[in-house]
Amino acid sequence: MSDLHKGADSKLFEFAKANRKKQTKTEKILWDVLRNRKLEGHKFRRQHPISSFIADFYCHQSKLIIEVDGGYHLEQEQAEVDKGRTHELEKLGLRVIRFSNSEVGHDLEWVKMKIRKQLALDLSPREKGEKSSP
């Protein structure tokens, strides 16, 4: 289980818990799609501490982080912070995909398709064989 959080500090767990209580409207929309293994049977966690970050959504099985970004992420300074954060998470062997609030709010089917593609990249040959057998 230690790999699940990549050494996250205990303070991050407190922040994550607070974040879960004040989800944005867009996070609620996406959480409804991801929760209870609704998307391809993958378990997602929301506001999940990893290393020195809190991921909006995380699938440990696929090592996939999904971030939902508000408008301020378009500002150059924040975009650079996000790029550095993504780089640090990728160094931990994780993949990060980002969606804007607008994409989640206006084209949820496209967002789900993009997430499914990322989840499919992670299947091992054995798991693919199991899915296709009768």
Protein backbone atom coordinates (compact mmCIF):
# COMPACT_ATOMS: atom_id res chain seq x y z
CA MET A 1 0.00 0.00 0.00
CA SER A 2 2.93 2.37 0.50
CA ASP A 3 3.24 2.62 -3.29
CA LEU A 4 -0.34 3.89 -3.38
CA HIS A 5 0.64 7.30 -2.00
CA LYS A 6 4.32 7.51 -3.02
CA GLY A 7 5.34 8.81 0.41
CA ALA A 8 2.73 11.56 0.73
CA ASP A 9 2.96 13.66 3.89
CA SER A 10 0.20 13.26 6.50
CA LYS A 11 -0.78 16.93 6.07
CA LEU A 12 -1.76 16.19 2.47
CA PHE A 13 -4.29 13.64 3.68
CA GLU A 14 -5.99 16.39 5.71
CA PHE A 15 -6.06 18.73 2.70
CA ALA A 16 -7.38 15.93 0.48
CA LYS A 17 -10.20 15.20 2.91
CA ALA A 18 -11.16 18.89 2.95
CA ASN A 19 -11.04 18.98 -0.87
CA ARG A 20 -13.39 16.01 -1.10
CA LYS A 21 -15.94 17.97 0.94
CA LYS A 22 -15.81 20.96 -1.42
CA GLN A 23 -15.81 19.39 -4.88
CA THR A 24 -16.38 21.65 -7.86
CA LYS A 25 -19.42 21.12 -10.05
CA THR A 26 -17.19 19.71 -12.80
CA GLU A 27 -15.43 17.33 -10.42
CA LYS A 28 -18.85 16.06 -9.31
CA ILE A 29 -19.81 15.38 -12.93
CA LEU A 30 -16.65 13.40 -13.59
CA TRP A 31 -16.75 11.61 -10.22
CA ASP A 32 -20.23 10.32 -11.10
CA VAL A 33 -18.69 8.71 -14.20
CA LEU A 34 -15.67 7.23 -12.38
CA ARG A 35 -17.02 6.16 -8.97
CA ASN A 36 -17.96 2.60 -8.06
CA ARG A 37 -15.90 1.13 -10.92
CA LYS A 38 -18.39 2.50 -13.48
CA LEU A 39 -15.76 3.14 -16.15
CA GLU A 40 -14.35 -0.11 -17.52
CA GLY A 41 -14.36 -1.63 -14.03
CA HIS A 42 -11.42 0.50 -12.85
CA LYS A 43 -11.33 1.79 -9.29
CA PHE A 44 -10.73 5.52 -9.03
CA ARG A 45 -10.03 7.57 -5.93
CA ARG A 46 -10.74 11.28 -5.70
CA GLN A 47 -8.51 13.91 -4.13
CA HIS A 48 -5.79 11.30 -3.68
CA PRO A 49 -2.43 12.27 -2.06
CA ILE A 50 0.59 11.19 -4.10
CA SER A 51 4.10 12.30 -3.19
CA SER A 52 3.78 16.07 -2.61
CA PHE A 53 0.60 16.46 -4.70
CA ILE A 54 -3.11 15.77 -4.50
CA ALA A 55 -4.51 14.22 -7.66
CA ASP A 56 -8.11 15.08 -8.57
CA PHE A 57 -8.69 11.44 -9.56
CA TYR A 58 -6.34 8.45 -9.44
CA CYS A 59 -6.54 4.87 -10.68
CA HIS A 60 -3.78 2.90 -8.95
CA GLN A 61 -4.28 -0.17 -11.14
CA SER A 62 -3.52 1.86 -14.27
CA LYS A 63 -1.18 4.42 -12.64
CA LEU A 64 -3.41 7.08 -14.20
CA ILE A 65 -4.08 10.54 -12.77
CA ILE A 66 -6.91 12.64 -14.14
CA GLU A 67 -6.84 16.38 -13.49
CA VAL A 68 -9.78 18.71 -14.07
CA ASP A 69 -8.54 22.24 -14.61
CA GLY A 70 -10.37 25.52 -14.14
CA GLY A 71 -9.72 28.63 -16.20
CA TYR A 72 -6.74 29.80 -14.15
CA HIS A 73 -4.76 26.82 -15.49
CA LEU A 74 -4.64 28.66 -18.84
CA GLU A 75 -2.51 31.42 -17.33
CA GLN A 76 1.14 31.02 -18.30
CA GLU A 77 2.47 30.84 -14.75
CA GLN A 78 -0.03 28.15 -13.71
CA ALA A 79 0.52 26.24 -16.95
CA GLU A 80 4.25 26.07 -16.11
CA VAL A 81 3.45 24.84 -12.58
CA ASP A 82 1.15 22.17 -14.06
CA LYS A 83 3.85 21.10 -16.52
CA GLY A 84 6.37 20.71 -13.68
CA ARG A 85 3.86 18.80 -11.58
CA THR A 86 3.12 16.45 -14.48
CA HIS A 87 6.83 15.89 -15.00
CA GLU A 88 7.36 15.02 -11.32
CA LEU A 89 4.44 12.60 -11.34
CA GLU A 90 5.68 10.96 -14.54
CA LYS A 91 9.07 10.43 -12.88
CA LEU A 92 7.15 8.32 -10.32
CA GLY A 93 5.89 6.10 -13.14
CA LEU A 94 2.45 7.70 -13.34
CA ARG A 95 0.52 9.03 -16.32
CA VAL A 96 -1.36 12.33 -16.16
CA ILE A 97 -4.20 13.47 -18.39
CA ARG A 98 -5.85 16.86 -18.06
CA PHE A 99 -9.27 18.11 -19.01
CA SER A 100 -10.68 21.59 -18.75
CA ASN A 101 -13.89 22.31 -16.88
CA SER A 102 -15.40 23.16 -20.25
CA GLU A 103 -14.48 19.79 -21.78
CA VAL A 104 -16.03 17.89 -18.87
CA GLY A 105 -19.10 20.12 -18.79
CA HIS A 106 -19.77 20.23 -22.52
CA ASP A 107 -18.32 17.05 -24.04
CA LEU A 108 -18.40 14.35 -21.38
CA GLU A 109 -18.59 11.54 -23.95
CA TRP A 110 -15.30 12.72 -25.51
CA VAL A 111 -13.71 12.91 -22.04
CA LYS A 112 -14.86 9.35 -21.24
CA MET A 113 -13.47 8.13 -24.58
CA LYS A 114 -10.08 9.74 -23.84
CA ILE A 115 -9.99 8.14 -20.38
CA ARG A 116 -10.95 4.73 -21.81
CA LYS A 117 -8.07 4.99 -24.29
CA GLN A 118 -5.64 5.66 -21.44
CA LEU A 119 -7.02 2.76 -19.41
CA ALA A 120 -6.71 0.43 -22.41
CA LEU A 121 -3.01 1.31 -22.79
CA ASP A 122 -2.35 -0.26 -19.41
CA LEU A 123 -3.82 -3.72 -20.04
CA SER A 124 -1.27 -6.52 -20.01
CA PRO A 125 -1.54 -9.28 -22.68
CA ARG A 126 -2.85 -11.66 -19.99
CA GLU A 127 -5.62 -9.25 -18.99
CA LYS A 128 -6.54 -8.66 -22.64
CA GLY A 129 -6.81 -12.42 -23.13
CA GLU A 130 -9.04 -12.76 -20.10
CA LYS A 131 -11.38 -10.06 -21.36
CA SER A 132 -11.78 -11.68 -24.77
CA SER A 133 -12.32 -15.25 -23.59
CA PRO A 134 -15.90 -16.57 -23.29
